[in-house]
C-alpha atoms as a PDB file:
ATOM      1  CA  MET A   1       0.000   0.000   0.000  1.00  0.00           C
ATOM      2  CA  PHE A   2       2.813   2.370   0.878  1.00  0.00           C
ATOM      3  CA  GLN A   3       4.504   1.763  -2.474  1.00  0.00           C
ATOM      4  CA  PHE A   4       1.266   2.502  -4.270  1.00  0.00           C
ATOM      5  CA  LEU A   5       0.962   5.870  -2.491  1.00  0.00           C
ATOM      6  CA  VAL A   6       4.581   6.710  -3.277  1.00  0.00           C
ATOM      7  CA  LEU A   7       4.125   5.821  -6.943  1.00  0.00           C
ATOM      8  CA  ARG A   8       0.944   7.845  -7.096  1.00  0.00           C
ATOM      9  CA  ARG A   9       2.674  10.870  -5.604  1.00  0.00           C
ATOM     10  CA  LEU A  10       5.602  10.428  -7.969  1.00  0.00           C
ATOM     11  CA  ARG A  11       3.219  10.429 -10.940  1.00  0.00           C
ATOM     12  CA  ARG A  12       1.625  13.640  -9.663  1.00  0.00           C
ATOM     13  CA  ILE A  13       5.043  15.213  -9.246  1.00  0.00           C
ATOM     14  CA  GLN A  14       6.042  14.083 -12.733  1.00  0.00           C
ATOM     15  CA  LYS A  15       2.848  15.535 -14.211  1.00  0.00           C
ATOM     16  CA  PHE A  16       3.440  18.793 -12.379  1.00  0.00           C
ATOM     17  CA  LEU A  17       7.037  18.959 -13.638  1.00  0.00           C
ATOM     18  CA  GLU A  18       5.871  18.313 -17.209  1.00  0.00           C
ATOM     19  CA  GLU A  19       3.395  21.185 -16.897  1.00  0.00           C
ATOM     20  CA  VAL A  20       6.100  23.477 -15.507  1.00  0.00           C
ATOM     21  CA  MET A  21       8.469  22.564 -18.338  1.00  0.00           C
ATOM     22  CA  ALA A  22       5.738  23.130 -20.930  1.00  0.00           C
ATOM     23  CA  THR A  23       4.986  26.520 -19.387  1.00  0.00           C
ATOM     24  CA  GLN A  24       8.675  27.417 -19.471  1.00  0.00           C
ATOM     25  CA  ALA A  25       8.904  26.381 -23.120  1.00  0.00           C
ATOM     26  CA  GLU A  26       5.891  28.552 -23.950  1.00  0.00           C
ATOM     27  CA  LEU A  27       7.394  31.497 -22.079  1.00  0.00           C
ATOM     28  CA  THR A  28      10.725  30.992 -23.812  1.00  0.00           C
ATOM     29  CA  LYS A  29       8.971  31.136 -27.175  1.00  0.00           C
ATOM     30  CA  GLN A  30       7.115  34.310 -26.163  1.00  0.00           C
ATOM     31  CA  VAL A  31      10.271  36.007 -24.874  1.00  0.00           C
ATOM     32  CA  LYS A  32      12.099  35.187 -28.108  1.00  0.00           C
ATOM     33  CA  ALA A  33       9.210  36.624 -30.137  1.00  0.00           C
ATOM     34  CA  ILE A  34       9.328  39.814 -28.081  1.00  0.00           C
ATOM     35  CA  GLY A  35      13.084  40.008 -28.617  1.00  0.00           C
ATOM     36  CA  ASP A  36      12.572  39.667 -32.370  1.00  0.00           C
ATOM     37  CA  LYS A  37      10.005  42.477 -32.306  1.00  0.00           C
ATOM     38  CA  LEU A  38      12.367  44.711 -30.339  1.00  0.00           C
ATOM     39  CA  THR A  39      15.148  44.041 -32.823  1.00  0.00           C
ATOM     40  CA  LYS A  40      12.780  44.954 -35.666  1.00  0.00           C
ATOM     41  CA  ILE A  41      11.730  48.142 -33.881  1.00  0.00           C
ATOM     42  CA  GLY A  42      15.376  49.034 -33.365  1.00  0.00           C
ATOM     43  CA  GLU A  43      16.199  48.554 -37.040  1.00  0.00           C
ATOM     44  CA  GLU A  44      13.153  50.539 -38.123  1.00  0.00           C
ATOM     45  CA  SER A  45      14.100  53.306 -35.694  1.00  0.00           C
ATOM     46  CA  LYS A  46      17.604  53.470 -37.172  1.00  0.00           C
ATOM     47  CA  THR A  47      16.100  53.839 -40.643  1.00  0.00           C
ATOM     48  CA  LEU A  48      13.698  56.530 -39.428  1.00  0.00           C
ATOM     49  CA  LEU A  49      16.484  58.489 -37.753  1.00  0.00           C
ATOM     50  CA  SER A  50      18.605  58.263 -40.881  1.00  0.00           C
ATOM     51  CA  LYS A  51      15.746  59.592 -43.027  1.00  0.00           C
ATOM     52  CA  VAL A  52      15.090  62.415 -40.551  1.00  0.00           C
ATOM     53  CA  ASP A  53      18.779  63.363 -40.667  1.00  0.00           C
ATOM     54  CA  GLU A  54      18.614  63.409 -44.477  1.00  0.00           C
ATOM     55  CA  LEU A  55      15.521  65.626 -44.324  1.00  0.00           C
ATOM     56  CA  LYS A  56      17.143  67.998 -41.846  1.00  0.00           C
ATOM     57  CA  GLN A  57      20.225  68.221 -44.049  1.00  0.00           C
ATOM     58  CA  ALA A  58      18.118  68.910 -47.156  1.00  0.00           C
ATOM     59  CA  VAL A  59      16.336  71.730 -45.325  1.00  0.00           C
ATOM     60  CA  ALA A  60      19.646  73.097 -44.051  1.00  0.00           C
ATOM     61  CA  ASP A  61      21.050  73.050 -47.588  1.00  0.00           C
ATOM     62  CA  ALA A  62      18.029  74.859 -49.049  1.00  0.00           C
ATOM     63  CA  GLU A  63      18.441  78.580 -49.728  1.00  0.00           C
ATOM     64  CA  LYS A  64      15.030  79.614 -48.475  1.00  0.00           C
ATOM     65  CA  VAL A  65      12.918  77.620 -46.084  1.00  0.00           C
ATOM     66  CA  THR A  66       9.504  78.758 -44.949  1.00  0.00           C
ATOM     67  CA  PRO A  67       8.901  78.838 -41.217  1.00  0.00           C
ATOM     68  CA  GLU A  68       6.141  76.264 -41.723  1.00  0.00           C
ATOM     69  CA  LEU A  69       8.524  73.814 -43.374  1.00  0.00           C
ATOM     70  CA  GLN A  70      11.149  74.363 -40.695  1.00  0.00           C
ATOM     71  CA  SER A  71       8.518  73.836 -38.012  1.00  0.00           C
ATOM     72  CA  ALA A  72       7.329  70.626 -39.678  1.00  0.00           C
ATOM     73  CA  VAL A  73      10.890  69.297 -39.943  1.00  0.00           C
ATOM     74  CA  ASP A  74      11.559  70.195 -36.312  1.00  0.00           C
ATOM     75  CA  ALA A  75       8.363  68.398 -35.236  1.00  0.00           C
ATOM     76  CA  VAL A  76       9.320  65.257 -37.162  1.00  0.00           C
ATOM     77  CA  ALA A  77      12.828  65.351 -35.691  1.00  0.00           C
ATOM     78  CA  GLU A  78      11.382  65.714 -32.193  1.00  0.00           C
ATOM     79  CA  GLN A  79       9.001  62.795 -32.739  1.00  0.00           C
ATOM     80  CA  ALA A  80      11.882  60.680 -34.053  1.00  0.00           C
ATOM     81  CA  LYS A  81      13.820  61.507 -30.886  1.00  0.00           C
ATOM     82  CA  VAL A  82      10.858  60.367 -28.767  1.00  0.00           C
ATOM     83  CA  VAL A  83      10.765  57.055 -30.658  1.00  0.00           C
ATOM     84  CA  ASP A  84      14.534  56.675 -30.371  1.00  0.00           C
ATOM     85  CA  ASP A  85      14.400  57.303 -26.631  1.00  0.00           C
ATOM     86  CA  LEU A  86      11.846  54.499 -26.258  1.00  0.00           C
ATOM     87  CA  VAL A  87      14.285  51.938 -27.653  1.00  0.00           C
ATOM     88  CA  PRO A  88      17.355  51.485 -25.468  1.00  0.00           C
ATOM     89  CA  ASP A  89      20.710  51.580 -27.218  1.00  0.00           C
ATOM     90  CA  PRO A  90      22.560  48.273 -27.213  1.00  0.00           C
ATOM     91  CA  ALA A  91      25.023  47.913 -24.380  1.00  0.00           C
ATOM     92  CA  THR A  92      28.614  48.577 -25.347  1.00  0.00           C
ATOM     93  CA  PRO A  93      30.791  45.638 -24.337  1.00  0.00           C
ATOM     94  CA  THR A  94      33.543  46.569 -21.924  1.00  0.00           C
ATOM     95  CA  PRO A  95      37.039  45.338 -22.779  1.00  0.00           C
END
């Protein structure tokens, strides 16, 4: 009888461990997906910042710029900065 109870408890423990491992595998998959999204956001942010820099340079190179255009460029540059600040820069490895 004692062995039966021990085996029964062991089966419960095994089932619980299988559930925990399945949950961990699901979480691992979710964390990796989030990491992929963050990488994508980072790359898109780099592209956006590059395009904003090109736009700012084009406006700076223009002979006459209306205040409205300058204001629009400044607003886009500010919004790009907000987006850039949301995405942390990758850590620089220390030697």
